[in-house]
Amino acid sequence: MTNVVVLIGRLARPAETRELPSGDRLVAYEVTVERPGERAETVPVVWMGAPASAVDHEVDERMLVVGRVRRRFFRAGGGTQSRTEVVAEAVVNARHAKRAAAALQRAQAALEEALT
C-alpha cells in the first residue's frame, strides 16, 4: 500500500530548522490549506534532510508539498501524546511551475505503481 499526500497551501508561519542528534537537518512548516465553503486547515509538515534553501520561504507564500502521512507518539507532560504530520519528500514554491509539476509527476508515478 502506498501513502501519498499532495498539499497546496500557504505557509502559516516561518519555517523552523532543527539539527537532530543524528546530524540530519529537519525543517518544520505549518501549511494552511483552504477548503471552499469551510474553515481552512493548518497541516504540520516536516522535511528530513532538507537543503539549506528549505527555509528561504516567506509566510503566506503558496507552496506545494508532496510526501506521506505519519503519526508519531512521544512522551510529554507525564503521558504519551501523538501528532499526525506530513513527512515531505518535496516542498516547492508554487511560483516555480516546472519544479511543482515535476514533484506532482513523481507523486502520480508512485500512485500508478501502487495501483498496478
PDB file of N, CA and C in Angstrom:
ATOM      1  N   MET A   1       0.832  -1.176   0.000  1.00  0.00           N
ATOM      2  CA  MET A   1       0.000   0.000   0.000  1.00  0.00           C
ATOM      3  C   MET A   1       0.878   1.241   0.000  1.00  0.00           C
ATOM      4  N   THR A   2       0.449   2.261  -0.699  1.00  0.00           N
ATOM      5  CA  THR A   2       1.220   3.488  -0.812  1.00  0.00           C
ATOM      6  C   THR A   2       0.556   4.606  -0.024  1.00  0.00           C
ATOM      7  N   ASN A   3       1.346   5.431   0.586  1.00  0.00           N
ATOM      8  CA  ASN A   3       0.907   6.554   1.395  1.00  0.00           C
ATOM      9  C   ASN A   3       1.424   7.811   0.697  1.00  0.00           C
ATOM     10  N   VAL A   4       0.575   8.499  -0.061  1.00  0.00           N
ATOM     11  CA  VAL A   4       0.981   9.679  -0.816  1.00  0.00           C
ATOM     12  C   VAL A   4       0.055  10.839  -0.474  1.00  0.00           C
ATOM     13  N   VAL A   5       0.654  11.988  -0.169  1.00  0.00           N
ATOM     14  CA  VAL A   5      -0.090  13.198   0.147  1.00  0.00           C
ATOM     15  C   VAL A   5       0.399  14.313  -0.764  1.00  0.00           C
ATOM     16  N   VAL A   6      -0.539  15.093  -1.273  1.00  0.00           N
ATOM     17  CA  VAL A   6      -0.215  16.303  -2.020  1.00  0.00           C
ATOM     18  C   VAL A   6      -1.005  17.441  -1.387  1.00  0.00           C
ATOM     19  N   LEU A   7      -0.294  18.481  -0.942  1.00  0.00           N
ATOM     20  CA  LEU A   7      -0.925  19.662  -0.347  1.00  0.00           C
ATOM     21  C   LEU A   7      -0.556  20.885  -1.166  1.00  0.00           C
ATOM     22  N   ILE A   8      -1.504  21.765  -1.348  1.00  0.00           N
ATOM     23  CA  ILE A   8      -1.214  23.080  -1.894  1.00  0.00           C
ATOM     24  C   ILE A   8      -1.825  24.061  -0.912  1.00  0.00           C
ATOM     25  N   GLY A   9      -0.973  24.898  -0.344  1.00  0.00           N
ATOM     26  CA  GLY A   9      -1.451  25.840   0.649  1.00  0.00           C
ATOM     27  C   GLY A   9      -0.445  26.947   0.869  1.00  0.00           C
ATOM     28  N   ARG A  10      -0.684  27.720   1.894  1.00  0.00           N
ATOM     29  CA  ARG A  10       0.186  28.861   2.207  1.00  0.00           C
ATOM     30  C   ARG A  10       0.917  28.625   3.522  1.00  0.00           C
ATOM     31  N   LEU A  11       2.168  29.080   3.588  1.00  0.00           N
ATOM     32  CA  LEU A  11       2.926  28.959   4.834  1.00  0.00           C
ATOM     33  C   LEU A  11       2.271  29.833   5.898  1.00  0.00           C
ATOM     34  N   ALA A  12       1.945  29.225   7.025  1.00  0.00           N
ATOM     35  CA  ALA A  12       1.264  29.935   8.108  1.00  0.00           C
ATOM     36  C   ALA A  12       2.236  30.660   9.032  1.00  0.00           C
ATOM     37  N   ARG A  13       3.483  30.207   9.059  1.00  0.00           N
ATOM     38  CA  ARG A  13       4.497  30.823   9.922  1.00  0.00           C
ATOM     39  C   ARG A  13       5.860  30.525   9.320  1.00  0.00           C
ATOM     40  N   PRO A  14       6.905  31.206   9.781  1.00  0.00           N
ATOM     41  CA  PRO A  14       8.237  30.945   9.228  1.00  0.00           C
ATOM     42  C   PRO A  14       8.671  29.495   9.469  1.00  0.00           C
ATOM     43  N   ALA A  15       9.433  28.966   8.535  1.00  0.00           N
ATOM     44  CA  ALA A  15       9.979  27.613   8.675  1.00  0.00           C
ATOM     45  C   ALA A  15      10.935  27.584   9.863  1.00  0.00           C
ATOM     46  N   GLU A  16      10.932  26.448  10.568  1.00  0.00           N
ATOM     47  CA  GLU A  16      11.862  26.248  11.688  1.00  0.00           C
ATOM     48  C   GLU A  16      12.824  25.140  11.313  1.00  0.00           C
ATOM     49  N   THR A  17      14.086  25.342  11.569  1.00  0.00           N
ATOM     50  CA  THR A  17      15.067  24.309  11.278  1.00  0.00           C
ATOM     51  C   THR A  17      15.660  23.795  12.580  1.00  0.00           C
ATOM     52  N   ARG A  18      15.892  22.483  12.617  1.00  0.00           N
ATOM     53  CA  ARG A  18      16.495  21.847  13.797  1.00  0.00           C
ATOM     54  C   ARG A  18      17.549  20.854  13.324  1.00  0.00           C
ATOM     55  N   GLU A  19      18.579  20.753  14.125  1.00  0.00           N
ATOM     56  CA  GLU A  19      19.613  19.749  13.904  1.00  0.00           C
ATOM     57  C   GLU A  19      19.296  18.569  14.814  1.00  0.00           C
ATOM     58  N   LEU A  20      19.124  17.387  14.248  1.00  0.00           N
ATOM     59  CA  LEU A  20      18.798  16.196  15.030  1.00  0.00           C
ATOM     60  C   LEU A  20      20.073  15.589  15.608  1.00  0.00           C
ATOM     61  N   PRO A  21      19.954  14.780  16.667  1.00  0.00           N
ATOM     62  CA  PRO A  21      21.142  14.131  17.244  1.00  0.00           C
ATOM     63  C   PRO A  21      21.925  13.316  16.213  1.00  0.00           C
ATOM     64  N   SER A  22      21.235  12.831  15.187  1.00  0.00           N
ATOM     65  CA  SER A  22      21.899  12.055  14.128  1.00  0.00           C
ATOM     66  C   SER A  22      22.730  12.934  13.214  1.00  0.00           C
ATOM     67  N   GLY A  23      22.558  14.268  13.335  1.00  0.00           N
ATOM     68  CA  GLY A  23      23.256  15.194  12.450  1.00  0.00           C
ATOM     69  C   GLY A  23      22.406  15.627  11.260  1.00  0.00           C
ATOM     70  N   ASP A  24      21.263  14.988  11.073  1.00  0.00           N
ATOM     71  CA  ASP A  24      20.368  15.361   9.974  1.00  0.00           C
ATOM     72  C   ASP A  24      19.685  16.697  10.276  1.00  0.00           C
ATOM     73  N   ARG A  25      19.336  17.400   9.215  1.00  0.00           N
ATOM     74  CA  ARG A  25      18.590  18.651   9.338  1.00  0.00           C
ATOM     75  C   ARG A  25      17.102  18.354   9.150  1.00  0.00           C
ATOM     76  N   LEU A  26      16.280  18.951  10.002  1.00  0.00           N
ATOM     77  CA  LEU A  26      14.835  18.835   9.887  1.00  0.00           C
ATOM     78  C   LEU A  26      14.277  20.246   9.770  1.00  0.00           C
ATOM     79  N   VAL A  27      13.407  20.449   8.783  1.00  0.00           N
ATOM     80  CA  VAL A  27      12.733  21.733   8.625  1.00  0.00           C
ATOM     81  C   VAL A  27      11.248  21.487   8.867  1.00  0.00           C
ATOM     82  N   ALA A  28      10.648  22.301   9.733  1.00  0.00           N
ATOM     83  CA  ALA A  28       9.227  22.160  10.070  1.00  0.00           C
ATOM     84  C   ALA A  28       8.456  23.353   9.523  1.00  0.00           C
ATOM     85  N   TYR A  29       7.310  23.056   8.922  1.00  0.00           N
ATOM     86  CA  TYR A  29       6.421  24.067   8.366  1.00  0.00           C
ATOM     87  C   TYR A  29       5.024  23.876   8.942  1.00  0.00           C
ATOM     88  N   GLU A  30       4.226  24.913   8.862  1.00  0.00           N
ATOM     89  CA  GLU A  30       2.786  24.836   9.077  1.00  0.00           C
ATOM     90  C   GLU A  30       2.186  25.354   7.773  1.00  0.00           C
ATOM     91  N   VAL A  31       1.433  24.503   7.074  1.00  0.00           N
ATOM     92  CA  VAL A  31       0.848  24.866   5.785  1.00  0.00           C
ATOM     93  C   VAL A  31      -0.671  24.952   5.954  1.00  0.00           C
ATOM     94  N   THR A  32      -1.237  26.105   5.631  1.00  0.00           N
ATOM     95  CA  THR A  32      -2.680  26.302   5.735  1.00  0.00           C
ATOM     96  C   THR A  32      -3.309  26.023   4.378  1.00  0.00           C
ATOM     97  N   VAL A  33      -4.263  25.103   4.379  1.00  0.00           N
ATOM     98  CA  VAL A  33      -4.940  24.664   3.162  1.00  0.00           C
ATOM     99  C   VAL A  33      -6.369  25.204   3.191  1.00  0.00           C
ATOM    100  N   GLU A  34      -6.724  25.947   2.155  1.00  0.00           N
ATOM    101  CA  GLU A  34      -8.079  26.495   2.043  1.00  0.00           C
ATOM    102  C   GLU A  34      -9.044  25.388   1.637  1.00  0.00           C
ATOM    103  N   ARG A  35     -10.246  25.446   2.189  1.00  0.00           N
ATOM    104  CA  ARG A  35     -11.302  24.498   1.835  1.00  0.00           C
ATOM    105  C   ARG A  35     -12.536  25.315   1.498  1.00  0.00           C
ATOM    106  N   PRO A  36     -12.871  25.437   0.219  1.00  0.00           N
ATOM    107  CA  PRO A  36     -14.001  26.281  -0.174  1.00  0.00           C
ATOM    108  C   PRO A  36     -15.267  25.960   0.629  1.00  0.00           C
ATOM    109  N   GLY A  37     -15.855  27.004   1.185  1.00  0.00           N
ATOM    110  CA  GLY A  37     -17.076  26.834   1.955  1.00  0.00           C
ATOM    111  C   GLY A  37     -16.864  26.312   3.361  1.00  0.00           C
ATOM    112  N   GLU A  38     -15.617  26.045   3.739  1.00  0.00           N
ATOM    113  CA  GLU A  38     -15.305  25.527   5.075  1.00  0.00           C
ATOM    114  C   GLU A  38     -14.124  26.294   5.655  1.00  0.00           C
ATOM    115  N   ARG A  39     -13.838  26.018   6.909  1.00  0.00           N
ATOM    116  CA  ARG A  39     -12.671  26.637   7.544  1.00  0.00           C
ATOM    117  C   ARG A  39     -11.393  26.072   6.959  1.00  0.00           C
ATOM    118  N   ALA A  40     -10.378  26.917   6.872  1.00  0.00           N
ATOM    119  CA  ALA A  40      -9.063  26.460   6.427  1.00  0.00           C
ATOM    120  C   ALA A  40      -8.485  25.527   7.476  1.00  0.00           C
ATOM    121  N   GLU A  41      -7.627  24.619   7.043  1.00  0.00           N
ATOM    122  CA  GLU A  41      -6.960  23.685   7.956  1.00  0.00           C
ATOM    123  C   GLU A  41      -5.455  23.908   7.883  1.00  0.00           C
ATOM    124  N   THR A  42      -4.807  23.885   9.032  1.00  0.00           N
ATOM    125  CA  THR A  42      -3.356  24.012   9.075  1.00  0.00           C
ATOM    126  C   THR A  42      -2.755  22.635   9.329  1.00  0.00           C
ATOM    127  N   VAL A  43      -1.818  22.264   8.468  1.00  0.00           N
ATOM    128  CA  VAL A  43      -1.231  20.931   8.493  1.00  0.00           C
ATOM    129  C   VAL A  43       0.256  21.048   8.851  1.00  0.00           C
ATOM    130  N   PRO A  44       0.710  20.319   9.877  1.00  0.00           N
ATOM    131  CA  PRO A  44       2.144  20.313  10.178  1.00  0.00           C
ATOM    132  C   PRO A  44       2.893  19.465   9.151  1.00  0.00           C
ATOM    133  N   VAL A  45       4.021  20.007   8.681  1.00  0.00           N
ATOM    134  CA  VAL A  45       4.854  19.335   7.679  1.00  0.00           C
ATOM    135  C   VAL A  45       6.284  19.323   8.188  1.00  0.00           C
ATOM    136  N   VAL A  46       6.952  18.181   8.086  1.00  0.00           N
ATOM    137  CA  VAL A  46       8.386  18.094   8.413  1.00  0.00           C
ATOM    138  C   VAL A  46       9.125  17.563   7.190  1.00  0.00           C
ATOM    139  N   TRP A  47      10.322  18.099   6.977  1.00  0.00           N
ATOM    140  CA  TRP A  47      11.147  17.690   5.836  1.00  0.00           C
ATOM    141  C   TRP A  47      12.513  17.309   6.377  1.00  0.00           C
ATOM    142  N   MET A  48      12.808  16.020   6.377  1.00  0.00           N
ATOM    143  CA  MET A  48      14.079  15.495   6.875  1.00  0.00           C
ATOM    144  C   MET A  48      15.141  15.613   5.783  1.00  0.00           C
ATOM    145  N   GLY A  49      16.336  15.993   6.167  1.00  0.00           N
ATOM    146  CA  GLY A  49      17.419  16.093   5.190  1.00  0.00           C
ATOM    147  C   GLY A  49      17.191  17.195   4.176  1.00  0.00           C
ATOM    148  N   ALA A  50      16.424  18.207   4.556  1.00  0.00           N
ATOM    149  CA  ALA A  50      16.090  19.299   3.647  1.00  0.00           C
ATOM    150  C   ALA A  50      17.335  20.106   3.297  1.00  0.00           C
ATOM    151  N   PRO A  51      17.376  20.655   2.076  1.00  0.00           N
ATOM    152  CA  PRO A  51      18.508  21.507   1.712  1.00  0.00           C
ATOM    153  C   PRO A  51      18.471  22.820   2.489  1.00  0.00           C
ATOM    154  N   ALA A  52      19.579  23.521   2.527  1.00  0.00           N
ATOM    155  CA  ALA A  52      19.656  24.791   3.265  1.00  0.00           C
ATOM    156  C   ALA A  52      18.620  25.794   2.752  1.00  0.00           C
ATOM    157  N   SER A  53      18.287  25.732   1.483  1.00  0.00           N
ATOM    158  CA  SER A  53      17.323  26.672   0.897  1.00  0.00           C
ATOM    159  C   SER A  53      15.892  26.418   1.364  1.00  0.00           C
ATOM    160  N   ALA A  54      15.659  25.340   2.100  1.00  0.00           N
ATOM    161  CA  ALA A  54      14.303  24.981   2.532  1.00  0.00           C
ATOM    162  C   ALA A  54      13.689  26.012   3.466  1.00  0.00           C
ATOM    163  N   VAL A  55      14.499  26.847   4.080  1.00  0.00           N
ATOM    164  CA  VAL A  55      13.972  27.859   4.994  1.00  0.00           C
ATOM    165  C   VAL A  55      13.817  29.216   4.310  1.00  0.00           C
ATOM    166  N   ASP A  56      14.112  29.292   3.020  1.00  0.00           N
ATOM    167  CA  ASP A  56      14.061  30.551   2.279  1.00  0.00           C
ATOM    168  C   ASP A  56      12.683  30.850   1.715  1.00  0.00           C
ATOM    169  N   HIS A  57      11.649  30.576   2.475  1.00  0.00           N
ATOM    170  CA  HIS A  57      10.279  30.846   2.039  1.00  0.00           C
ATOM    171  C   HIS A  57       9.647  31.826   3.012  1.00  0.00           C
ATOM    172  N   GLU A  58       8.791  32.681   2.491  1.00  0.00           N
ATOM    173  CA  GLU A  58       8.124  33.703   3.292  1.00  0.00           C
ATOM    174  C   GLU A  58       6.746  33.226   3.753  1.00  0.00           C
ATOM    175  N   VAL A  59       6.314  33.731   4.887  1.00  0.00           N
ATOM    176  CA  VAL A  59       4.964  33.466   5.362  1.00  0.00           C
ATOM    177  C   VAL A  59       3.983  33.928   4.285  1.00  0.00           C
ATOM    178  N   ASP A  60       2.948  33.161   4.064  1.00  0.00           N
ATOM    179  CA  ASP A  60       1.862  33.407   3.113  1.00  0.00           C
ATOM    180  C   ASP A  60       2.219  33.034   1.669  1.00  0.00           C
ATOM    181  N   GLU A  61       3.415  32.525   1.419  1.00  0.00           N
ATOM    182  CA  GLU A  61       3.744  32.035   0.079  1.00  0.00           C
ATOM    183  C   GLU A  61       2.968  30.755  -0.203  1.00  0.00           C
ATOM    184  N   ARG A  62       2.497  30.596  -1.437  1.00  0.00           N
ATOM    185  CA  ARG A  62       1.823  29.355  -1.837  1.00  0.00           C
ATOM    186  C   ARG A  62       2.869  28.285  -2.084  1.00  0.00           C
ATOM    187  N   MET A  63       2.653  27.117  -1.456  1.00  0.00           N
ATOM    188  CA  MET A  63       3.607  26.027  -1.538  1.00  0.00           C
ATOM    189  C   MET A  63       2.909  24.746  -1.968  1.00  0.00           C
ATOM    190  N   LEU A  64       3.652  23.888  -2.635  1.00  0.00           N
ATOM    191  CA  LEU A  64       3.218  22.539  -2.980  1.00  0.00           C
ATOM    192  C   LEU A  64       4.062  21.592  -2.147  1.00  0.00           C
ATOM    193  N   VAL A  65       3.407  20.676  -1.449  1.00  0.00           N
ATOM    194  CA  VAL A  65       4.104  19.679  -0.630  1.00  0.00           C
ATOM    195  C   VAL A  65       3.697  18.303  -1.122  1.00  0.00           C
ATOM    196  N   VAL A  66       4.687  17.460  -1.394  1.00  0.00           N
ATOM    197  CA  VAL A  66       4.442  16.062  -1.740  1.00  0.00           C
ATOM    198  C   VAL A  66       5.136  15.233  -0.677  1.00  0.00           C
ATOM    199  N   GLY A  67       4.415  14.265  -0.106  1.00  0.00           N
ATOM    200  CA  GLY A  67       5.010  13.445   0.939  1.00  0.00           C
ATOM    201  C   GLY A  67       4.086  12.328   1.363  1.00  0.00           C
ATOM    202  N   ARG A  68       4.155  11.996   2.664  1.00  0.00           N
ATOM    203  CA  ARG A  68       3.345  10.919   3.219  1.00  0.00           C
ATOM    204  C   ARG A  68       2.863  11.319   4.609  1.00  0.00           C
ATOM    205  N   VAL A  69       1.778  10.711   5.052  1.00  0.00           N
ATOM    206  CA  VAL A  69       1.235  10.978   6.382  1.00  0.00           C
ATOM    207  C   VAL A  69       1.924  10.066   7.386  1.00  0.00           C
ATOM    208  N   ARG A  70       2.239  10.631   8.538  1.00  0.00           N
ATOM    209  CA  ARG A  70       2.845   9.837   9.619  1.00  0.00           C
ATOM    210  C   ARG A  70       2.211  10.271  10.935  1.00  0.00           C
ATOM    211  N   ARG A  71       1.960   9.289  11.771  1.00  0.00           N
ATOM    212  CA  ARG A  71       1.529   9.566  13.136  1.00  0.00           C
ATOM    213  C   ARG A  71       2.634   9.085  14.051  1.00  0.00           C
ATOM    214  N   ARG A  72       3.131  10.002  14.866  1.00  0.00           N
ATOM    215  CA  ARG A  72       4.200   9.608  15.785  1.00  0.00           C
ATOM    216  C   ARG A  72       3.749   9.807  17.215  1.00  0.00           C
ATOM    217  N   PHE A  73       4.321   9.001  18.091  1.00  0.00           N
ATOM    218  CA  PHE A  73       3.985   9.030  19.511  1.00  0.00           C
ATOM    219  C   PHE A  73       5.222   9.461  20.289  1.00  0.00           C
ATOM    220  N   PHE A  74       4.999  10.236  21.346  1.00  0.00           N
ATOM    221  CA  PHE A  74       6.111  10.712  22.165  1.00  0.00           C
ATOM    222  C   PHE A  74       5.612  10.960  23.582  1.00  0.00           C
ATOM    223  N   ARG A  75       6.559  11.029  24.500  1.00  0.00           N
ATOM    224  CA  ARG A  75       6.228  11.282  25.899  1.00  0.00           C
ATOM    225  C   ARG A  75       6.341  12.778  26.168  1.00  0.00           C
ATOM    226  N   ALA A  76       5.314  13.309  26.817  1.00  0.00           N
ATOM    227  CA  ALA A  76       5.314  14.723  27.203  1.00  0.00           C
ATOM    228  C   ALA A  76       4.316  14.910  28.337  1.00  0.00           C
ATOM    229  N   GLY A  77       4.680  15.743  29.289  1.00  0.00           N
ATOM    230  CA  GLY A  77       3.768  16.035  30.394  1.00  0.00           C
ATOM    231  C   GLY A  77       3.375  14.813  31.196  1.00  0.00           C
ATOM    232  N   GLY A  78       4.255  13.829  31.284  1.00  0.00           N
ATOM    233  CA  GLY A  78       3.979  12.639  32.074  1.00  0.00           C
ATOM    234  C   GLY A  78       3.102  11.612  31.385  1.00  0.00           C
ATOM    235  N   GLY A  79       2.798  11.815  30.106  1.00  0.00           N
ATOM    236  CA  GLY A  79       1.960  10.853  29.387  1.00  0.00           C
ATOM    237  C   GLY A  79       2.408  10.702  27.942  1.00  0.00           C
ATOM    238  N   THR A  80       1.727   9.834  27.248  1.00  0.00           N
ATOM    239  CA  THR A  80       2.025   9.625  25.835  1.00  0.00           C
ATOM    240  C   THR A  80       1.092  10.483  24.998  1.00  0.00           C
ATOM    241  N   GLN A  81       1.666  11.205  24.059  1.00  0.00           N
ATOM    242  CA  GLN A  81       0.890  12.036  23.148  1.00  0.00           C
ATOM    243  C   GLN A  81       1.199  11.617  21.720  1.00  0.00           C
ATOM    244  N   SER A  82       0.379  12.080  20.790  1.00  0.00           N
ATOM    245  CA  SER A  82       0.634  11.761  19.389  1.00  0.00           C
ATOM    246  C   SER A  82       0.480  13.009  18.539  1.00  0.00           C
ATOM    247  N   ARG A  83       1.060  12.951  17.373  1.00  0.00           N
ATOM    248  CA  ARG A  83       0.975  14.045  16.412  1.00  0.00           C
ATOM    249  C   ARG A  83       0.900  13.430  15.022  1.00  0.00           C
ATOM    250  N   THR A  84      -0.049  13.896  14.240  1.00  0.00           N
ATOM    251  CA  THR A  84      -0.148  13.476  12.848  1.00  0.00           C
ATOM    252  C   THR A  84       0.440  14.593  12.007  1.00  0.00           C
ATOM    253  N   GLU A  85       1.331  14.242  11.097  1.00  0.00           N
ATOM    254  CA  GLU A  85       2.027  15.238  10.288  1.00  0.00           C
ATOM    255  C   GLU A  85       2.318  14.677   8.913  1.00  0.00           C
ATOM    256  N   VAL A  86       2.675  15.545   8.001  1.00  0.00           N
ATOM    257  CA  VAL A  86       3.109  15.136   6.671  1.00  0.00           C
ATOM    258  C   VAL A  86       4.635  15.151   6.660  1.00  0.00           C
ATOM    259  N   VAL A  87       5.234  14.045   6.246  1.00  0.00           N
ATOM    260  CA  VAL A  87       6.673  13.964   6.069  1.00  0.00           C
ATOM    261  C   VAL A  87       6.933  14.246   4.592  1.00  0.00           C
ATOM    262  N   ALA A  88       7.543  15.379   4.311  1.00  0.00           N
ATOM    263  CA  ALA A  88       7.709  15.844   2.935  1.00  0.00           C
ATOM    264  C   ALA A  88       8.846  15.136   2.212  1.00  0.00           C
ATOM    265  N   GLU A  89       8.608  14.865   0.954  1.00  0.00           N
ATOM    266  CA  GLU A  89       9.666  14.434   0.041  1.00  0.00           C
ATOM    267  C   GLU A  89      10.096  15.606  -0.825  1.00  0.00           C
ATOM    268  N   ALA A  90       9.156  16.545  -1.046  1.00  0.00           N
ATOM    269  CA  ALA A  90       9.434  17.758  -1.809  1.00  0.00           C
ATOM    270  C   ALA A  90       8.557  18.882  -1.291  1.00  0.00           C
ATOM    271  N   VAL A  91       9.145  20.066  -1.165  1.00  0.00           N
ATOM    272  CA  VAL A  91       8.416  21.280  -0.828  1.00  0.00           C
ATOM    273  C   VAL A  91       8.855  22.312  -1.859  1.00  0.00           C
ATOM    274  N   VAL A  92       7.896  22.796  -2.648  1.00  0.00           N
ATOM    275  CA  VAL A  92       8.217  23.665  -3.779  1.00  0.00           C
ATOM    276  C   VAL A  92       7.329  24.902  -3.730  1.00  0.00           C
ATOM    277  N   ASN A  93       7.929  26.063  -3.968  1.00  0.00           N
ATOM    278  CA  ASN A  93       7.131  27.276  -4.096  1.00  0.00           C
ATOM    279  C   ASN A  93       6.264  27.128  -5.334  1.00  0.00           C
ATOM    280  N   ALA A  94       4.970  27.391  -5.206  1.00  0.00           N
ATOM    281  CA  ALA A  94       4.039  27.194  -6.320  1.00  0.00           C
ATOM    282  C   ALA A  94       4.353  28.094  -7.511  1.00  0.00           C
ATOM    283  N   ARG A  95       5.112  29.172  -7.301  1.00  0.00           N
ATOM    284  CA  ARG A  95       5.527  30.038  -8.420  1.00  0.00           C
ATOM    285  C   ARG A  95       6.434  29.296  -9.390  1.00  0.00           C
ATOM    286  N   HIS A  96       7.137  28.286  -8.906  1.00  0.00           N
ATOM    287  CA  HIS A  96       8.076  27.539  -9.746  1.00  0.00           C
ATOM    288  C   HIS A  96       7.324  26.388 -10.407  1.00  0.00           C
ATOM    289  N   ALA A  97       6.624  26.718 -11.468  1.00  0.00           N
ATOM    290  CA  ALA A  97       5.698  25.782 -12.112  1.00  0.00           C
ATOM    291  C   ALA A  97       6.379  24.490 -12.553  1.00  0.00           C
ATOM    292  N   LYS A  98       7.577  24.571 -13.119  1.00  0.00           N
ATOM    293  CA  LYS A  98       8.246  23.352 -13.607  1.00  0.00           C
ATOM    294  C   LYS A  98       8.625  22.426 -12.454  1.00  0.00           C
ATOM    295  N   ARG A  99       9.148  22.990 -11.369  1.00  0.00           N
ATOM    296  CA  ARG A  99       9.505  22.160 -10.209  1.00  0.00           C
ATOM    297  C   ARG A  99       8.255  21.551  -9.577  1.00  0.00           C
ATOM    298  N   ALA A 100       7.189  22.350  -9.478  1.00  0.00           N
ATOM    299  CA  ALA A 100       5.935  21.851  -8.904  1.00  0.00           C
ATOM    300  C   ALA A 100       5.374  20.724  -9.764  1.00  0.00           C
ATOM    301  N   ALA A 101       5.399  20.902 -11.086  1.00  0.00           N
ATOM    302  CA  ALA A 101       4.895  19.870 -11.996  1.00  0.00           C
ATOM    303  C   ALA A 101       5.714  18.593 -11.873  1.00  0.00           C
ATOM    304  N   ALA A 102       7.036  18.708 -11.738  1.00  0.00           N
ATOM    305  CA  ALA A 102       7.886  17.528 -11.597  1.00  0.00           C
ATOM    306  C   ALA A 102       7.575  16.781 -10.298  1.00  0.00           C
ATOM    307  N   ALA A 103       7.340  17.524  -9.200  1.00  0.00           N
ATOM    308  CA  ALA A 103       7.003  16.888  -7.921  1.00  0.00           C
ATOM    309  C   ALA A 103       5.660  16.165  -8.031  1.00  0.00           C
ATOM    310  N   LEU A 104       4.702  16.771  -8.709  1.00  0.00           N
ATOM    311  CA  LEU A 104       3.406  16.123  -8.907  1.00  0.00           C
ATOM    312  C   LEU A 104       3.518  14.882  -9.778  1.00  0.00           C
ATOM    313  N   GLN A 105       4.366  14.926 -10.784  1.00  0.00           N
ATOM    314  CA  GLN A 105       4.566  13.755 -11.649  1.00  0.00           C
ATOM    315  C   GLN A 105       5.156  12.597 -10.867  1.00  0.00           C
ATOM    316  N   ARG A 106       6.091  12.880  -9.952  1.00  0.00           N
ATOM    317  CA  ARG A 106       6.668  11.810  -9.127  1.00  0.00           C
ATOM    318  C   ARG A 106       5.596  11.196  -8.230  1.00  0.00           C
ATOM    319  N   ALA A 107       4.719  12.043  -7.665  1.00  0.00           N
ATOM    320  CA  ALA A 107       3.628  11.532  -6.818  1.00  0.00           C
ATOM    321  C   ALA A 107       2.671  10.687  -7.643  1.00  0.00           C
ATOM    322  N   GLN A 108       2.348  11.143  -8.842  1.00  0.00           N
ATOM    323  CA  GLN A 108       1.450  10.383  -9.712  1.00  0.00           C
ATOM    324  C   GLN A 108       2.064   9.046 -10.093  1.00  0.00           C
ATOM    325  N   ALA A 109       3.359   9.027 -10.379  1.00  0.00           N
ATOM    326  CA  ALA A 109       4.037   7.770 -10.731  1.00  0.00           C
ATOM    327  C   ALA A 109       3.981   6.790  -9.556  1.00  0.00           C
ATOM    328  N   ALA A 110       4.172   7.297  -8.341  1.00  0.00           N
ATOM    329  CA  ALA A 110       4.097   6.428  -7.159  1.00  0.00           C
ATOM    330  C   ALA A 110       2.702   5.840  -7.004  1.00  0.00           C
ATOM    331  N   LEU A 111       1.681   6.654  -7.253  1.00  0.00           N
ATOM    332  CA  LEU A 111       0.308   6.167  -7.159  1.00  0.00           C
ATOM    333  C   LEU A 111       0.021   5.129  -8.229  1.00  0.00           C
ATOM    334  N   GLU A 112       0.455   5.393  -9.446  1.00  0.00           N
ATOM    335  CA  GLU A 112       0.216   4.450 -10.530  1.00  0.00           C
ATOM    336  C   GLU A 112       0.920   3.121 -10.274  1.00  0.00           C
ATOM    337  N   GLU A 113       2.123   3.171  -9.743  1.00  0.00           N
ATOM    338  CA  GLU A 113       2.870   1.957  -9.419  1.00  0.00           C
ATOM    339  C   GLU A 113       2.126   1.156  -8.342  1.00  0.00           C
ATOM    340  N   ALA A 114       1.572   1.850  -7.359  1.00  0.00           N
ATOM    341  CA  ALA A 114       0.851   1.173  -6.281  1.00  0.00           C
ATOM    342  C   ALA A 114      -0.434   0.524  -6.773  1.00  0.00           C
ATOM    343  N   LEU A 115      -1.038   1.091  -7.800  1.00  0.00           N
ATOM    344  CA  LEU A 115      -2.300   0.588  -8.296  1.00  0.00           C
ATOM    345  C   LEU A 115      -2.154  -0.562  -9.312  1.00  0.00           C
ATOM    346  N   THR A 116      -0.933  -0.805  -9.767  1.00  0.00           N
ATOM    347  CA  THR A 116      -0.738  -1.895 -10.746  1.00  0.00           C
ATOM    348  C   THR A 116      -0.285  -3.169 -10.086  1.00  0.00           C
TER     349      THR A 116
END
